[in-house]
Amino acid sequence: MCGEPPSCTGGTSPPGPGAGRGGQEMGLSDFEREMVACLNRFFEAGKRQGFAYRLKQSKFSTQYVDVLVDSLDPRYYCAIECKSIRGKKLYFSQHFHSDRNHVHQIDAIGAFLARTGRRGYLAIEFRFGSGKAREAYLIPWEALVRFYGEAPGIGIEEFRSFIPLSRTPEGYLLRRLEG
């Protein structure tokens, strides 16, 4: 347990049975934990107020996003959806889903952000295969929505113009969190 909200997971312990969301590959759950650790290092290193955590996932309850960040500083009060993909392009029809009411995940998360007042981000990790370096970025949700309305997907080149996450021996390193 992470010592804060009783229903959170902190990103440092191994996953329990059934970790991940209904059939998604293990790499995504690992990336979610890495993002929690990355965000908490960002807060600690900069002596900023904030705490990132994952909510326990349940087959019978709605999970709007993968990572929540609580902070009294409105710049850091946010919600983050994580995607870990193979290849160099994120596709809205392939990498996002629609719920049983045919509401696309991007629209559902947008509604969640509007109701909660959180800033939204997509954290994306591009994996290129064994032995090859991964790349990861944060993109503000508003920018993601603009791409969603204009194109079937977003290439890695576009992501490179947003917030990069550097790799270090400790994991990903976030240097700034502004949209």
C-alpha atoms as a PDB file:
ATOM      1  CA  MET A   1       0.000   0.000   0.000  1.00  0.00           C
ATOM      2  CA  CYS A   2       1.141   3.527  -0.649  1.00  0.00           C
ATOM      3  CA  GLY A   3       0.183   5.133   2.650  1.00  0.00           C
ATOM      4  CA  GLU A   4      -2.161   7.741   1.180  1.00  0.00           C
ATOM      5  CA  PRO A   5      -5.650   6.944  -0.138  1.00  0.00           C
ATOM      6  CA  PRO A   6      -6.459   3.382   0.979  1.00  0.00           C
ATOM      7  CA  SER A   7      -7.447   2.245  -2.509  1.00  0.00           C
ATOM      8  CA  CYS A   8      -4.303   3.267  -4.359  1.00  0.00           C
ATOM      9  CA  THR A   9      -1.226   1.505  -5.607  1.00  0.00           C
ATOM     10  CA  GLY A  10       2.045   3.333  -5.497  1.00  0.00           C
ATOM     11  CA  GLY A  11       4.044   2.073  -8.433  1.00  0.00           C
ATOM     12  CA  THR A  12       6.887   0.352  -6.585  1.00  0.00           C
ATOM     13  CA  SER A  13       5.420  -3.035  -5.702  1.00  0.00           C
ATOM     14  CA  PRO A  14       4.894  -5.861  -8.201  1.00  0.00           C
ATOM     15  CA  PRO A  15       1.398  -6.296  -9.609  1.00  0.00           C
ATOM     16  CA  GLY A  16      -0.976  -8.731  -8.020  1.00  0.00           C
ATOM     17  CA  PRO A  17      -2.973 -11.403  -9.829  1.00  0.00           C
ATOM     18  CA  GLY A  18      -5.050  -9.978 -12.619  1.00  0.00           C
ATOM     19  CA  ALA A  19      -3.085  -6.720 -12.823  1.00  0.00           C
ATOM     20  CA  GLY A  20      -3.742  -4.642 -15.897  1.00  0.00           C
ATOM     21  CA  ARG A  21      -7.028  -3.840 -17.537  1.00  0.00           C
ATOM     22  CA  GLY A  22      -9.006  -6.714 -19.032  1.00  0.00           C
ATOM     23  CA  GLY A  23      -6.544  -8.398 -21.359  1.00  0.00           C
ATOM     24  CA  GLN A  24      -4.173  -5.488 -21.951  1.00  0.00           C
ATOM     25  CA  GLU A  25      -0.571  -6.577 -22.164  1.00  0.00           C
ATOM     26  CA  MET A  26       1.603  -6.424 -19.076  1.00  0.00           C
ATOM     27  CA  GLY A  27       3.759  -3.652 -20.569  1.00  0.00           C
ATOM     28  CA  LEU A  28       0.992  -1.097 -20.062  1.00  0.00           C
ATOM     29  CA  SER A  29       0.597  -1.894 -16.368  1.00  0.00           C
ATOM     30  CA  ASP A  30       4.376  -1.557 -16.001  1.00  0.00           C
ATOM     31  CA  PHE A  31       4.255   1.806 -17.743  1.00  0.00           C
ATOM     32  CA  GLU A  32       1.472   2.984 -15.420  1.00  0.00           C
ATOM     33  CA  ARG A  33       3.615   2.102 -12.391  1.00  0.00           C
ATOM     34  CA  GLU A  34       6.614   3.822 -13.981  1.00  0.00           C
ATOM     35  CA  MET A  35       4.536   6.968 -14.533  1.00  0.00           C
ATOM     36  CA  VAL A  36       3.445   7.037 -10.884  1.00  0.00           C
ATOM     37  CA  ALA A  37       7.058   6.701  -9.732  1.00  0.00           C
ATOM     38  CA  CYS A  38       8.194   9.329 -12.283  1.00  0.00           C
ATOM     39  CA  LEU A  39       5.592  11.850 -11.137  1.00  0.00           C
ATOM     40  CA  ASN A  40       6.340  11.306  -7.460  1.00  0.00           C
ATOM     41  CA  ARG A  41      10.081  11.766  -8.115  1.00  0.00           C
ATOM     42  CA  PHE A  42       9.182  15.012  -9.952  1.00  0.00           C
ATOM     43  CA  PHE A  43       7.311  16.267  -6.871  1.00  0.00           C
ATOM     44  CA  GLU A  44       9.995  15.193  -4.395  1.00  0.00           C
ATOM     45  CA  ALA A  45      12.978  16.475  -6.387  1.00  0.00           C
ATOM     46  CA  GLY A  46      11.383  19.884  -6.927  1.00  0.00           C
ATOM     47  CA  LYS A  47       9.935  20.050  -3.399  1.00  0.00           C
ATOM     48  CA  ARG A  48       6.490  20.468  -4.975  1.00  0.00           C
ATOM     49  CA  GLN A  49       3.200  19.533  -3.342  1.00  0.00           C
ATOM     50  CA  GLY A  50       1.642  16.602  -5.136  1.00  0.00           C
ATOM     51  CA  PHE A  51       1.045  12.875  -5.004  1.00  0.00           C
ATOM     52  CA  ALA A  52       0.475  10.517  -7.955  1.00  0.00           C
ATOM     53  CA  TYR A  53      -1.263   7.158  -7.590  1.00  0.00           C
ATOM     54  CA  ARG A  54      -3.120   4.445  -9.443  1.00  0.00           C
ATOM     55  CA  LEU A  55      -6.555   3.363  -8.316  1.00  0.00           C
ATOM     56  CA  LYS A  56      -7.152  -0.329  -7.792  1.00  0.00           C
ATOM     57  CA  GLN A  57      -8.809  -1.680 -10.891  1.00  0.00           C
ATOM     58  CA  SER A  58     -12.026  -3.618 -10.754  1.00  0.00           C
ATOM     59  CA  LYS A  59     -13.854  -5.456 -13.483  1.00  0.00           C
ATOM     60  CA  PHE A  60     -17.171  -4.040 -12.255  1.00  0.00           C
ATOM     61  CA  SER A  61     -16.338  -0.369 -11.727  1.00  0.00           C
ATOM     62  CA  THR A  62     -15.499   2.349 -14.206  1.00  0.00           C
ATOM     63  CA  GLN A  63     -11.907   3.515 -14.312  1.00  0.00           C
ATOM     64  CA  TYR A  64     -11.738   6.786 -16.204  1.00  0.00           C
ATOM     65  CA  VAL A  65      -7.945   7.197 -16.247  1.00  0.00           C
ATOM     66  CA  ASP A  66      -4.860   5.253 -15.206  1.00  0.00           C
ATOM     67  CA  VAL A  67      -3.098   7.752 -12.924  1.00  0.00           C
ATOM     68  CA  LEU A  68      -4.491  10.500 -10.703  1.00  0.00           C
ATOM     69  CA  VAL A  69      -2.433  13.326  -9.246  1.00  0.00           C
ATOM     70  CA  ASP A  70      -3.669  15.236  -6.225  1.00  0.00           C
ATOM     71  CA  SER A  71      -2.142  18.603  -5.433  1.00  0.00           C
ATOM     72  CA  LEU A  72      -3.159  21.892  -3.869  1.00  0.00           C
ATOM     73  CA  ASP A  73      -1.297  23.529  -6.769  1.00  0.00           C
ATOM     74  CA  PRO A  74      -3.791  23.603  -9.676  1.00  0.00           C
ATOM     75  CA  ARG A  75      -0.951  23.129 -12.199  1.00  0.00           C
ATOM     76  CA  TYR A  76      -0.446  19.627 -10.853  1.00  0.00           C
ATOM     77  CA  TYR A  77      -4.033  18.582 -10.091  1.00  0.00           C
ATOM     78  CA  CYS A  78      -4.379  16.238 -13.043  1.00  0.00           C
ATOM     79  CA  ALA A  79      -5.389  12.902 -14.526  1.00  0.00           C
ATOM     80  CA  ILE A  80      -3.223  10.858 -16.871  1.00  0.00           C
ATOM     81  CA  GLU A  81      -4.184   8.142 -19.321  1.00  0.00           C
ATOM     82  CA  CYS A  82      -1.251   5.840 -20.175  1.00  0.00           C
ATOM     83  CA  LYS A  83      -0.595   4.030 -23.443  1.00  0.00           C
ATOM     84  CA  SER A  84       2.391   1.791 -24.129  1.00  0.00           C
ATOM     85  CA  ILE A  85       2.471   0.822 -27.785  1.00  0.00           C
ATOM     86  CA  ARG A  86       4.685  -0.882 -30.339  1.00  0.00           C
ATOM     87  CA  GLY A  87       5.488   1.198 -33.373  1.00  0.00           C
ATOM     88  CA  LYS A  88       5.653   4.872 -34.200  1.00  0.00           C
ATOM     89  CA  LYS A  89       2.004   5.942 -34.377  1.00  0.00           C
ATOM     90  CA  LEU A  90      -0.922   6.057 -31.964  1.00  0.00           C
ATOM     91  CA  TYR A  91      -4.272   5.326 -33.657  1.00  0.00           C
ATOM     92  CA  PHE A  92      -7.498   6.533 -32.072  1.00  0.00           C
ATOM     93  CA  SER A  93      -9.508   3.525 -33.283  1.00  0.00           C
ATOM     94  CA  GLN A  94      -6.900   0.913 -32.325  1.00  0.00           C
ATOM     95  CA  HIS A  95      -5.378   2.179 -29.070  1.00  0.00           C
ATOM     96  CA  PHE A  96      -8.541   3.613 -27.466  1.00  0.00           C
ATOM     97  CA  HIS A  97     -11.854   1.882 -26.894  1.00  0.00           C
ATOM     98  CA  SER A  98     -15.547   2.721 -26.753  1.00  0.00           C
ATOM     99  CA  ASP A  99     -17.715   1.699 -23.811  1.00  0.00           C
ATOM    100  CA  ARG A 100     -20.909  -0.328 -23.990  1.00  0.00           C
ATOM    101  CA  ASN A 101     -22.838   2.887 -24.734  1.00  0.00           C
ATOM    102  CA  HIS A 102     -20.509   3.585 -27.695  1.00  0.00           C
ATOM    103  CA  VAL A 103     -18.831   6.538 -25.955  1.00  0.00           C
ATOM    104  CA  HIS A 104     -15.241   6.785 -27.161  1.00  0.00           C
ATOM    105  CA  GLN A 105     -12.607   6.717 -24.425  1.00  0.00           C
ATOM    106  CA  ILE A 106     -11.319  10.178 -25.411  1.00  0.00           C
ATOM    107  CA  ASP A 107     -14.803  11.654 -24.962  1.00  0.00           C
ATOM    108  CA  ALA A 108     -15.348   9.828 -21.648  1.00  0.00           C
ATOM    109  CA  ILE A 109     -12.041  11.082 -20.252  1.00  0.00           C
ATOM    110  CA  GLY A 110     -12.832  14.604 -21.477  1.00  0.00           C
ATOM    111  CA  ALA A 111     -16.119  14.497 -19.560  1.00  0.00           C
ATOM    112  CA  PHE A 112     -14.299  13.206 -16.448  1.00  0.00           C
ATOM    113  CA  LEU A 113     -11.804  16.086 -16.678  1.00  0.00           C
ATOM    114  CA  ALA A 114     -14.610  18.635 -17.050  1.00  0.00           C
ATOM    115  CA  ARG A 115     -16.476  17.223 -14.009  1.00  0.00           C
ATOM    116  CA  THR A 116     -13.423  17.048 -11.749  1.00  0.00           C
ATOM    117  CA  GLY A 117     -11.572  20.198 -12.807  1.00  0.00           C
ATOM    118  CA  ARG A 118      -8.376  18.206 -13.371  1.00  0.00           C
ATOM    119  CA  ARG A 119      -5.907  18.925 -16.144  1.00  0.00           C
ATOM    120  CA  GLY A 120      -5.573  15.965 -18.457  1.00  0.00           C
ATOM    121  CA  TYR A 121      -2.583  14.354 -20.130  1.00  0.00           C
ATOM    122  CA  LEU A 122      -1.865  11.332 -22.244  1.00  0.00           C
ATOM    123  CA  ALA A 123       1.384   9.588 -21.322  1.00  0.00           C
ATOM    124  CA  ILE A 124       2.622   7.522 -24.237  1.00  0.00           C
ATOM    125  CA  GLU A 125       5.490   5.080 -24.408  1.00  0.00           C
ATOM    126  CA  PHE A 126       6.753   3.953 -27.805  1.00  0.00           C
ATOM    127  CA  ARG A 127       8.412   0.527 -27.705  1.00  0.00           C
ATOM    128  CA  PHE A 128      10.545  -0.567 -30.643  1.00  0.00           C
ATOM    129  CA  GLY A 129      11.448  -4.124 -29.695  1.00  0.00           C
ATOM    130  CA  SER A 130      14.043  -5.918 -27.638  1.00  0.00           C
ATOM    131  CA  GLY A 131      17.304  -4.056 -27.151  1.00  0.00           C
ATOM    132  CA  LYS A 132      16.010  -0.795 -28.609  1.00  0.00           C
ATOM    133  CA  ALA A 133      15.502   2.353 -26.546  1.00  0.00           C
ATOM    134  CA  ARG A 134      11.935   3.337 -25.707  1.00  0.00           C
ATOM    135  CA  GLU A 135      10.630   6.905 -25.983  1.00  0.00           C
ATOM    136  CA  ALA A 136       7.925   8.456 -23.825  1.00  0.00           C
ATOM    137  CA  TYR A 137       6.048  11.760 -23.865  1.00  0.00           C
ATOM    138  CA  LEU A 138       3.215  13.625 -22.172  1.00  0.00           C
ATOM    139  CA  ILE A 139       0.712  15.488 -24.310  1.00  0.00           C
ATOM    140  CA  PRO A 140      -1.927  17.809 -22.815  1.00  0.00           C
ATOM    141  CA  TRP A 141      -5.438  16.414 -23.253  1.00  0.00           C
ATOM    142  CA  GLU A 142      -6.601  19.518 -25.166  1.00  0.00           C
ATOM    143  CA  ALA A 143      -3.908  18.917 -27.802  1.00  0.00           C
ATOM    144  CA  LEU A 144      -4.835  15.232 -28.030  1.00  0.00           C
ATOM    145  CA  VAL A 145      -8.482  16.176 -28.610  1.00  0.00           C
ATOM    146  CA  ARG A 146      -7.478  18.520 -31.447  1.00  0.00           C
ATOM    147  CA  PHE A 147      -5.604  15.671 -33.157  1.00  0.00           C
ATOM    148  CA  TYR A 148      -8.571  13.348 -32.534  1.00  0.00           C
ATOM    149  CA  GLY A 149     -10.836  15.738 -34.438  1.00  0.00           C
ATOM    150  CA  GLU A 150      -8.442  16.060 -37.382  1.00  0.00           C
ATOM    151  CA  ALA A 151      -6.641  12.771 -38.042  1.00  0.00           C
ATOM    152  CA  PRO A 152      -6.893   9.000 -37.498  1.00  0.00           C
ATOM    153  CA  GLY A 153      -3.781   9.050 -35.302  1.00  0.00           C
ATOM    154  CA  ILE A 154      -0.669  10.858 -34.106  1.00  0.00           C
ATOM    155  CA  GLY A 155       2.861  10.000 -35.188  1.00  0.00           C
ATOM    156  CA  ILE A 156       5.892   9.969 -32.932  1.00  0.00           C
ATOM    157  CA  GLU A 157       7.184  13.124 -34.663  1.00  0.00           C
ATOM    158  CA  GLU A 158       4.208  15.106 -33.339  1.00  0.00           C
ATOM    159  CA  PHE A 159       4.665  13.721 -29.824  1.00  0.00           C
ATOM    160  CA  ARG A 160       8.286  14.866 -29.831  1.00  0.00           C
ATOM    161  CA  SER A 161       7.095  18.500 -29.807  1.00  0.00           C
ATOM    162  CA  PHE A 162       5.363  18.019 -26.428  1.00  0.00           C
ATOM    163  CA  ILE A 163       6.725  17.063 -22.976  1.00  0.00           C
ATOM    164  CA  PRO A 164       9.530  14.473 -23.202  1.00  0.00           C
ATOM    165  CA  LEU A 165      10.195  11.877 -20.514  1.00  0.00           C
ATOM    166  CA  SER A 166      13.908  11.065 -20.335  1.00  0.00           C
ATOM    167  CA  ARG A 167      15.178   7.598 -19.372  1.00  0.00           C
ATOM    168  CA  THR A 168      17.450   7.294 -16.339  1.00  0.00           C
ATOM    169  CA  PRO A 169      18.575   4.271 -14.299  1.00  0.00           C
ATOM    170  CA  GLU A 170      15.717   5.063 -11.856  1.00  0.00           C
ATOM    171  CA  GLY A 171      13.108   5.140 -14.652  1.00  0.00           C
ATOM    172  CA  TYR A 172      11.487   7.977 -16.556  1.00  0.00           C
ATOM    173  CA  LEU A 173      12.379  11.548 -15.604  1.00  0.00           C
ATOM    174  CA  LEU A 174       9.907  14.420 -15.914  1.00  0.00           C
ATOM    175  CA  ARG A 175      11.510  17.860 -15.967  1.00  0.00           C
ATOM    176  CA  ARG A 176       8.371  19.990 -16.422  1.00  0.00           C
ATOM    177  CA  LEU A 177       4.614  19.537 -16.258  1.00  0.00           C
ATOM    178  CA  GLU A 178       3.034  22.387 -18.145  1.00  0.00           C
ATOM    179  CA  GLY A 179       0.701  22.251 -21.103  1.00  0.00           C
END
